[in-house]
Amino acid sequence: MGNCGLYGRGLWLCITVTGLGANITNGGFPPRALHIQDSPDGMYSCNNLFDTRYGALFMGPLCTNSDFKGNYFEGNHTGLRYTPSALSDPQSLKGNTWSGSFTVGAEHV
């Protein structure tokens, strides 16, 4: 999958991804640091996500029982994005941190 720092499912811990800029759209395939799709029982923790269109992008209905905590977002257009079909368990108070300016901090579209 092009334009991704990391794509897939599973266990991603303490990874740093730096993109080329938050406003790059790349012809409809916006760059993202983490692309998480159909990934039940995943753990995404302590990651540093810089300067991409999306810091983390969740897609697909099977992201249940996943833990997304302690991640750091800086300089992304949208820090955390859930697509319409993305479902996960509640993720409140998980210690994720946003720094700098964003067009959108987090969204579920």
C-alpha atoms as a PDB file:
ATOM      1  CA  MET A   1       0.000   0.000   0.000  1.00  0.00           C
ATOM      2  CA  GLY A   2       1.660   3.233  -1.112  1.00  0.00           C
ATOM      3  CA  ASN A   3       1.820   6.435   0.892  1.00  0.00           C
ATOM      4  CA  CYS A   4       1.802   4.680   4.246  1.00  0.00           C
ATOM      5  CA  GLY A   5       4.328   4.573   6.988  1.00  0.00           C
ATOM      6  CA  LEU A   6       2.853   1.283   8.211  1.00  0.00           C
ATOM      7  CA  TYR A   7      -0.067  -0.711   6.852  1.00  0.00           C
ATOM      8  CA  GLY A   8      -1.715  -3.732   8.336  1.00  0.00           C
ATOM      9  CA  ARG A   9      -2.707  -5.120  11.679  1.00  0.00           C
ATOM     10  CA  GLY A  10      -1.311  -6.358  14.895  1.00  0.00           C
ATOM     11  CA  LEU A  11       1.208  -4.921  17.287  1.00  0.00           C
ATOM     12  CA  TRP A  12       2.926  -1.579  16.608  1.00  0.00           C
ATOM     13  CA  LEU A  13       4.912  -0.231  19.526  1.00  0.00           C
ATOM     14  CA  CYS A  14       7.223   2.802  19.762  1.00  0.00           C
ATOM     15  CA  ILE A  15       7.556   3.454  16.026  1.00  0.00           C
ATOM     16  CA  THR A  16       8.327   6.892  14.575  1.00  0.00           C
ATOM     17  CA  VAL A  17       6.952   7.867  11.160  1.00  0.00           C
ATOM     18  CA  THR A  18       7.750  11.252   9.583  1.00  0.00           C
ATOM     19  CA  GLY A  19       5.956  12.301   6.404  1.00  0.00           C
ATOM     20  CA  LEU A  20       6.609  14.999   3.823  1.00  0.00           C
ATOM     21  CA  GLY A  21       3.878  17.398   4.943  1.00  0.00           C
ATOM     22  CA  ALA A  22       0.325  17.553   6.224  1.00  0.00           C
ATOM     23  CA  ASN A  23      -1.190  19.088   3.090  1.00  0.00           C
ATOM     24  CA  ILE A  24       0.039  16.538   0.551  1.00  0.00           C
ATOM     25  CA  THR A  25      -2.928  14.653  -0.945  1.00  0.00           C
ATOM     26  CA  ASN A  26      -1.115  12.608  -3.627  1.00  0.00           C
ATOM     27  CA  GLY A  27      -3.973  12.314  -6.102  1.00  0.00           C
ATOM     28  CA  GLY A  28      -6.626  10.969  -3.762  1.00  0.00           C
ATOM     29  CA  PHE A  29      -4.377   8.627  -1.769  1.00  0.00           C
ATOM     30  CA  PRO A  30      -3.378  10.827   1.153  1.00  0.00           C
ATOM     31  CA  PRO A  31      -0.225   9.877   3.038  1.00  0.00           C
ATOM     32  CA  ARG A  32      -0.764   8.437   6.513  1.00  0.00           C
ATOM     33  CA  ALA A  33       1.611   7.227   9.176  1.00  0.00           C
ATOM     34  CA  LEU A  34      -0.509   4.271  10.352  1.00  0.00           C
ATOM     35  CA  HIS A  35      -3.172   2.591   8.194  1.00  0.00           C
ATOM     36  CA  ILE A  36      -5.115   0.169  10.374  1.00  0.00           C
ATOM     37  CA  GLN A  37      -7.696  -1.943   8.575  1.00  0.00           C
ATOM     38  CA  ASP A  38      -9.813  -4.884   9.728  1.00  0.00           C
ATOM     39  CA  SER A  39      -7.542  -5.402  12.694  1.00  0.00           C
ATOM     40  CA  PRO A  40      -9.182  -6.946  15.767  1.00  0.00           C
ATOM     41  CA  ASP A  41      -7.181  -7.344  18.962  1.00  0.00           C
ATOM     42  CA  GLY A  42      -4.443  -4.926  17.857  1.00  0.00           C
ATOM     43  CA  MET A  43      -2.200  -2.802  20.043  1.00  0.00           C
ATOM     44  CA  TYR A  44      -0.858   0.547  18.834  1.00  0.00           C
ATOM     45  CA  SER A  45       1.102   2.278  21.560  1.00  0.00           C
ATOM     46  CA  CYS A  46       3.918   4.788  22.065  1.00  0.00           C
ATOM     47  CA  ASN A  47       4.106   5.705  18.348  1.00  0.00           C
ATOM     48  CA  ASN A  48       5.274   9.125  17.111  1.00  0.00           C
ATOM     49  CA  LEU A  49       3.393  10.298  14.017  1.00  0.00           C
ATOM     50  CA  PHE A  50       4.660  13.445  12.281  1.00  0.00           C
ATOM     51  CA  ASP A  51       3.739  15.509   9.210  1.00  0.00           C
ATOM     52  CA  THR A  52       1.350  13.275   7.256  1.00  0.00           C
ATOM     53  CA  ARG A  53      -2.161  13.928   5.976  1.00  0.00           C
ATOM     54  CA  TYR A  54      -3.493  11.422   8.552  1.00  0.00           C
ATOM     55  CA  GLY A  55      -1.525  10.408  11.610  1.00  0.00           C
ATOM     56  CA  ALA A  56      -3.563   7.229  12.062  1.00  0.00           C
ATOM     57  CA  LEU A  57      -6.319   6.032   9.754  1.00  0.00           C
ATOM     58  CA  PHE A  58      -8.730   3.302  10.915  1.00  0.00           C
ATOM     59  CA  MET A  59     -10.753   1.540   8.201  1.00  0.00           C
ATOM     60  CA  GLY A  60     -13.069  -1.440   8.212  1.00  0.00           C
ATOM     61  CA  PRO A  61     -15.459  -2.845  10.749  1.00  0.00           C
ATOM     62  CA  LEU A  62     -13.112  -5.238  12.492  1.00  0.00           C
ATOM     63  CA  CYS A  63     -10.994  -3.017  14.727  1.00  0.00           C
ATOM     64  CA  THR A  64     -12.738  -4.173  17.886  1.00  0.00           C
ATOM     65  CA  ASN A  65     -10.851  -5.028  21.022  1.00  0.00           C
ATOM     66  CA  SER A  66      -7.913  -2.908  19.816  1.00  0.00           C
ATOM     67  CA  ASP A  67      -5.956  -0.624  22.105  1.00  0.00           C
ATOM     68  CA  PHE A  68      -4.728   2.708  20.755  1.00  0.00           C
ATOM     69  CA  LYS A  69      -2.840   4.484  23.536  1.00  0.00           C
ATOM     70  CA  GLY A  70       0.087   6.724  24.349  1.00  0.00           C
ATOM     71  CA  ASN A  71       0.611   7.878  20.749  1.00  0.00           C
ATOM     72  CA  TYR A  72       1.983  11.304  19.853  1.00  0.00           C
ATOM     73  CA  PHE A  73       0.695  13.334  16.891  1.00  0.00           C
ATOM     74  CA  GLU A  74       2.406  16.444  15.559  1.00  0.00           C
ATOM     75  CA  GLY A  75       1.948  18.434  12.365  1.00  0.00           C
ATOM     76  CA  ASN A  76      -0.627  16.148  10.735  1.00  0.00           C
ATOM     77  CA  HIS A  77      -3.616  17.532   8.839  1.00  0.00           C
ATOM     78  CA  THR A  78      -5.850  15.117  10.793  1.00  0.00           C
ATOM     79  CA  GLY A  79      -4.301  13.334  13.742  1.00  0.00           C
ATOM     80  CA  LEU A  80      -6.733  10.429  14.066  1.00  0.00           C
ATOM     81  CA  ARG A  81      -9.362   9.477  11.493  1.00  0.00           C
ATOM     82  CA  TYR A  82     -12.012   6.759  11.537  1.00  0.00           C
ATOM     83  CA  THR A  83     -13.760   6.083   8.209  1.00  0.00           C
ATOM     84  CA  PRO A  84     -17.551   5.489   8.228  1.00  0.00           C
ATOM     85  CA  SER A  85     -17.145   1.708   8.440  1.00  0.00           C
ATOM     86  CA  ALA A  86     -14.469   1.749  11.158  1.00  0.00           C
ATOM     87  CA  LEU A  87     -15.542   0.389  14.519  1.00  0.00           C
ATOM     88  CA  SER A  88     -13.510   0.009  17.679  1.00  0.00           C
ATOM     89  CA  ASP A  89     -14.102  -0.159  21.376  1.00  0.00           C
ATOM     90  CA  PRO A  90     -14.167   3.162  23.300  1.00  0.00           C
ATOM     91  CA  GLN A  91     -10.745   4.807  23.366  1.00  0.00           C
ATOM     92  CA  SER A  92     -11.242   7.599  25.902  1.00  0.00           C
ATOM     93  CA  LEU A  93      -8.462   8.677  28.268  1.00  0.00           C
ATOM     94  CA  LYS A  94      -5.775   6.554  26.632  1.00  0.00           C
ATOM     95  CA  GLY A  95      -2.981   9.137  26.868  1.00  0.00           C
ATOM     96  CA  ASN A  96      -2.753  10.056  23.182  1.00  0.00           C
ATOM     97  CA  THR A  97      -1.189  13.512  22.737  1.00  0.00           C
ATOM     98  CA  TRP A  98      -1.605  16.127  20.017  1.00  0.00           C
ATOM     99  CA  SER A  99       0.960  18.911  19.635  1.00  0.00           C
ATOM    100  CA  GLY A 100       1.207  21.815  17.219  1.00  0.00           C
ATOM    101  CA  SER A 101      -1.501  22.934  14.827  1.00  0.00           C
ATOM    102  CA  PHE A 102      -3.987  20.639  13.105  1.00  0.00           C
ATOM    103  CA  THR A 103      -6.832  21.230  10.711  1.00  0.00           C
ATOM    104  CA  VAL A 104      -8.678  18.412  12.522  1.00  0.00           C
ATOM    105  CA  GLY A 105      -7.447  16.711  15.701  1.00  0.00           C
ATOM    106  CA  ALA A 106      -9.677  13.638  15.411  1.00  0.00           C
ATOM    107  CA  GLU A 107     -12.726  12.720  13.332  1.00  0.00           C
ATOM    108  CA  HIS A 108     -15.135   9.916  12.522  1.00  0.00           C
ATOM    109  CA  VAL A 109     -16.501  10.634   9.048  1.00  0.00           C
END
